[in-house]
Amino acid sequence: MGRQAEGRRNEDTRISSATLEGQGRPCIEVREATFTFDAKVVLDGFSLTVYQGEKVAIKGPSGRGKTTILRSILGFVVPAKGSIRIMGQQVDANSIWDLRTLIGYVPQEPELGNGTVRAWLERPFTFKVNRDVKHNLDKIPELFRLLLLPLDLLDKDVQVLSGGEKQRIAIISALLLERPILSMDEPTSALDDMSKKKLAEFLSTRNNLTVLVVSHDPRVISIADRIVTLN
C-alpha cells in the first residue's frame, strides 16, 4: 500500500549494513506486519530490522502508523498479520512482560500522574526488576544538567511542569533505567533548540544503545544511522 518497506538509509549514512550486522545481533525485527484499526489498514506488510547499537528514525505524515510501530514492539498493539521479535524472542502474551524490561519508552505526551518529580523518578526502582540499577538515581544531577533542568525541579509537583519539562523528565526516567533499547515518540516536540541539541549529542555518543525514534526534528534525524519514511 505504499506504507511498507524495509527502512532505507539516508545519504549521510555513516554505518553500512555489513558493519551493523557484524556489530551485533538484531534487537528489533518486524516481519511483514499488517496493522488495522476499525477495519482500516494502517500498515501493510511492514518490515524493519534494527541492529544492536543502531539509531533508526521513523518519519512520515500523520496517521501513517509511526506510533503504531513503537507501540507494537511493546506489545500494546498486536499485528493482524506478521511477527515481531525483540532480541530474537517472539513478542506474544507469554513473553511481553519480560521483553518490556529491555525497552525504555518515551511517549510524545508523557503522563506523569501526581507527586513530586523526585518521587516519580524513584518510583520505577521500587519494582524488583529495576532494583539492581537503583544506583543510577545518582545520575540524576548529571542528566538534569545535560537537559538544562534546574535541580530544584525535583521537589516540584509534576502537575505544574510545562510540556517541555515533562518531556525531559520522561527522557531522564528512561535513561536511568539503562535498558538496551530506547524507543521514543517525538521526544523533542516540546523542547527548545538548545535542549534538542543536547539530547541529540548525548544519544550520538551512546554506541551500545539501540534507538528507535519517531521524529521530524532535524537534530534527532541527523544522528540516525538510518531513516525510515512512511509515505
Protein backbone atom coordinates (compact mmCIF):
# COMPACT_ATOMS: atom_id res chain seq x y z
CA MET A 1 0.00 0.00 0.00
CA GLY A 2 2.98 2.30 -0.27
CA ARG A 3 3.35 2.35 3.50
CA GLN A 4 5.61 -0.61 3.80
CA ALA A 5 9.32 -1.14 3.15
CA GLU A 6 12.47 -2.15 4.87
CA GLY A 7 13.97 1.12 6.10
CA ARG A 8 16.33 2.72 3.62
CA ARG A 9 19.43 4.62 4.71
CA ASN A 10 19.75 8.35 4.17
CA GLU A 11 22.52 9.86 2.06
CA ASP A 12 24.54 10.78 5.14
CA THR A 13 24.67 7.21 6.47
CA ARG A 14 27.83 6.58 8.46
CA ILE A 15 27.46 2.83 9.10
CA SER A 16 27.00 0.16 6.45
CA SER A 17 24.57 -2.75 6.80
CA ALA A 18 27.50 -5.17 6.86
CA THR A 19 29.07 -3.23 9.72
CA LEU A 20 25.82 -3.26 11.68
CA GLU A 21 25.37 -6.98 11.21
CA GLY A 22 28.89 -7.53 12.44
CA GLN A 23 28.33 -5.16 15.32
CA GLY A 24 25.62 -7.25 16.96
CA ARG A 25 22.50 -9.29 16.55
CA PRO A 26 19.16 -7.78 15.59
CA CYS A 27 17.46 -6.14 18.56
CA ILE A 28 14.14 -5.43 16.85
CA GLU A 29 12.68 -7.44 13.98
CA VAL A 30 9.33 -6.57 12.44
CA ARG A 31 8.44 -9.04 9.70
CA GLU A 32 5.64 -8.48 7.15
CA ALA A 33 3.44 -6.88 9.84
CA THR A 34 -0.01 -5.61 8.97
CA PHE A 35 -1.91 -3.36 11.39
CA THR A 36 -5.59 -2.50 11.14
CA PHE A 37 -7.84 -0.16 13.10
CA ASP A 38 -11.62 -0.08 12.66
CA ALA A 39 -11.29 -2.30 9.57
CA LYS A 40 -8.84 0.18 8.01
CA VAL A 41 -5.32 -0.96 7.14
CA VAL A 42 -2.77 1.42 8.65
CA LEU A 43 0.39 -0.51 7.76
CA ASP A 44 0.51 -3.36 5.28
CA GLY A 45 3.37 -5.86 5.18
CA PHE A 46 5.79 -3.59 7.03
CA SER A 47 9.26 -4.97 7.76
CA LEU A 48 12.14 -3.47 9.70
CA THR A 49 15.26 -4.80 11.39
CA VAL A 50 17.16 -2.68 13.91
CA TYR A 51 20.59 -3.92 14.96
CA GLN A 52 22.34 -3.55 18.30
CA GLY A 53 23.63 -0.02 18.75
CA GLU A 54 21.85 1.28 15.65
CA LYS A 55 19.95 4.58 15.70
CA VAL A 56 16.86 4.48 13.47
CA ALA A 57 14.48 7.39 12.91
CA ILE A 58 10.94 6.99 11.56
CA LYS A 59 9.18 9.90 9.92
CA GLY A 60 6.12 10.48 7.77
CA PRO A 61 2.75 12.23 7.66
CA SER A 62 0.25 11.93 10.49
CA GLY A 63 -1.80 8.75 10.54
CA ARG A 64 0.72 6.59 8.71
CA GLY A 65 1.39 4.26 11.66
CA LYS A 66 4.59 5.66 13.17
CA THR A 67 3.41 5.44 16.77
CA THR A 68 1.80 2.08 15.99
CA ILE A 69 5.24 0.65 15.23
CA LEU A 70 6.62 1.83 18.58
CA ARG A 71 3.63 0.52 20.49
CA SER A 72 3.77 -2.82 18.70
CA ILE A 73 7.27 -3.63 19.95
CA LEU A 74 5.94 -3.04 23.46
CA GLY A 75 3.03 -5.39 22.84
CA PHE A 76 0.39 -2.66 23.19
CA VAL A 77 -0.65 -3.14 19.55
CA VAL A 78 -0.82 -6.62 18.01
CA PRO A 79 -0.39 -7.02 14.24
CA ALA A 80 -3.21 -8.70 12.32
CA LYS A 81 -0.51 -10.48 10.31
CA GLY A 82 3.23 -10.89 10.59
CA SER A 83 5.53 -11.10 13.58
CA ILE A 84 7.69 -9.02 15.91
CA ARG A 85 10.81 -10.19 17.72
CA ILE A 86 12.83 -8.47 20.41
CA MET A 87 16.34 -9.82 20.96
CA GLY A 88 15.34 -12.85 18.91
CA GLN A 89 12.28 -13.66 21.02
CA GLN A 90 8.76 -13.58 19.63
CA VAL A 91 6.55 -10.86 21.11
CA ASP A 92 3.42 -12.56 22.45
CA ALA A 93 1.30 -12.77 25.58
CA ASN A 94 3.77 -15.13 27.24
CA SER A 95 6.92 -13.13 26.59
CA ILE A 96 5.88 -9.48 26.59
CA TRP A 97 6.33 -8.77 30.31
CA ASP A 98 9.93 -9.93 30.21
CA LEU A 99 10.63 -8.21 26.90
CA ARG A 100 9.36 -4.86 28.17
CA THR A 101 12.17 -4.88 30.72
CA LEU A 102 14.56 -4.48 27.77
CA ILE A 103 12.91 -1.32 26.44
CA GLY A 104 12.81 2.24 27.70
CA TYR A 105 9.82 4.12 26.24
CA VAL A 106 9.20 7.86 25.98
CA PRO A 107 5.74 8.83 24.66
CA GLN A 108 5.18 12.16 22.94
CA GLU A 109 2.97 13.45 25.74
CA PRO A 110 4.14 11.81 28.99
CA GLU A 111 1.52 11.36 31.71
CA LEU A 112 3.37 11.75 34.99
CA GLY A 113 0.41 11.43 37.37
CA ASN A 114 0.79 13.01 40.82
CA GLY A 115 3.54 13.71 43.32
CA THR A 116 6.94 15.33 43.08
CA VAL A 117 9.38 14.89 40.24
CA ARG A 118 11.77 13.16 42.64
CA ALA A 119 9.12 10.64 43.70
CA TRP A 120 8.16 9.99 40.08
CA LEU A 121 11.76 9.29 39.08
CA GLU A 122 12.28 6.99 42.06
CA ARG A 123 9.06 5.02 41.63
CA PRO A 124 10.28 2.58 38.93
CA PHE A 125 13.09 1.48 41.22
CA THR A 126 10.64 0.21 43.82
CA PHE A 127 9.92 -2.69 41.44
CA LYS A 128 12.09 -5.76 41.77
CA VAL A 129 13.04 -5.80 38.09
CA ASN A 130 14.76 -2.40 38.42
CA ARG A 131 16.35 -2.67 41.86
CA ASP A 132 19.72 -3.78 40.51
CA VAL A 133 20.13 -0.40 38.76
CA LYS A 134 18.80 1.73 41.60
CA HIS A 135 22.27 3.26 41.92
CA ASN A 136 21.54 5.06 38.64
CA LEU A 137 19.48 7.53 40.67
CA ASP A 138 22.86 9.09 41.48
CA LYS A 139 22.99 10.17 37.82
CA ILE A 140 20.00 12.49 38.19
CA PRO A 141 22.09 15.68 38.70
CA GLU A 142 24.20 14.85 35.63
CA LEU A 143 21.15 14.20 33.45
CA PHE A 144 19.41 17.33 34.72
CA ARG A 145 22.43 19.38 33.70
CA LEU A 146 22.55 17.63 30.35
CA LEU A 147 18.95 18.53 29.55
CA LEU A 148 19.19 22.00 31.09
CA LEU A 149 16.84 21.39 34.03
CA PRO A 150 17.35 23.05 37.45
CA LEU A 151 17.76 20.61 40.34
CA ASP A 152 15.11 22.39 42.40
CA LEU A 153 12.60 20.96 39.91
CA LEU A 154 12.95 17.67 41.79
CA ASP A 155 10.77 18.98 44.61
CA LYS A 156 8.04 20.41 42.39
CA ASP A 157 4.74 18.65 41.73
CA VAL A 158 4.68 17.05 38.30
CA GLN A 159 1.32 18.67 37.58
CA VAL A 160 2.86 22.16 37.45
CA LEU A 161 5.51 21.23 34.89
CA SER A 162 5.49 22.60 31.37
CA GLY A 163 5.21 20.28 28.40
CA GLY A 164 8.92 20.59 27.70
CA GLU A 165 9.82 19.84 31.32
CA LYS A 166 7.58 16.75 31.35
CA GLN A 167 9.18 15.51 28.16
CA ARG A 168 12.69 15.91 29.55
CA ILE A 169 11.76 14.22 32.84
CA ALA A 170 10.34 11.27 30.90
CA ILE A 171 13.56 11.03 28.88
CA ILE A 172 15.64 11.10 32.06
CA SER A 173 13.48 8.37 33.60
CA ALA A 174 14.03 6.13 30.57
CA LEU A 175 17.78 6.74 30.63
CA LEU A 176 18.03 5.97 34.35
CA LEU A 177 16.58 2.51 33.74
CA GLU A 178 19.55 1.82 31.44
CA ARG A 179 17.73 -0.56 29.13
CA PRO A 180 19.42 -1.73 25.93
CA ILE A 181 16.64 -0.41 23.66
CA LEU A 182 15.28 3.13 23.78
CA SER A 183 12.00 3.82 21.97
CA MET A 184 10.85 7.45 21.71
CA ASP A 185 7.86 9.15 20.10
CA GLU A 186 8.60 12.74 19.01
CA PRO A 187 10.76 13.26 22.13
CA THR A 188 11.75 16.83 21.23
CA SER A 189 8.35 18.19 20.15
CA ALA A 190 8.12 20.47 23.23
CA LEU A 191 11.84 21.17 23.71
CA ASP A 192 13.74 24.36 23.00
CA ASP A 193 16.55 24.36 20.46
CA MET A 194 19.37 24.00 22.98
CA SER A 195 17.69 21.05 24.73
CA LYS A 196 17.15 19.37 21.35
CA LYS A 197 20.83 19.81 20.56
CA LYS A 198 21.94 18.43 23.94
CA LEU A 199 19.73 15.34 23.63
CA ALA A 200 20.89 14.60 20.08
CA GLU A 201 24.54 14.95 21.09
CA PHE A 202 24.04 12.63 24.06
CA LEU A 203 22.31 9.92 22.02
CA SER A 204 25.02 10.05 19.37
CA THR A 205 27.64 9.11 21.99
CA ARG A 206 25.76 6.04 23.28
CA ASN A 207 27.27 3.49 20.94
CA ASN A 208 25.74 0.44 22.63
CA LEU A 209 22.26 1.93 22.95
CA THR A 210 19.77 0.85 20.30
CA VAL A 211 17.39 3.71 19.49
CA LEU A 212 14.12 3.63 17.55
CA VAL A 213 12.65 7.13 17.42
CA VAL A 214 9.71 8.75 15.67
CA SER A 215 10.84 12.27 14.86
CA HIS A 216 10.80 15.07 12.31
CA ASP A 217 13.40 17.07 14.23
CA PRO A 218 16.47 17.66 12.00
CA ARG A 219 18.77 17.41 15.03
CA VAL A 220 17.46 13.99 16.03
CA ILE A 221 17.39 12.77 12.44
CA SER A 222 20.99 13.92 11.95
CA ILE A 223 22.29 11.29 14.40
CA ALA A 224 20.32 8.45 12.81
CA ASP A 225 22.17 5.68 11.01
CA ARG A 226 19.02 5.08 9.01
CA ILE A 227 15.79 6.92 8.27
CA VAL A 228 12.53 5.07 7.59
CA THR A 229 9.95 7.19 5.77
CA LEU A 230 6.31 6.07 5.82
CA ASN A 231 4.79 7.64 2.72
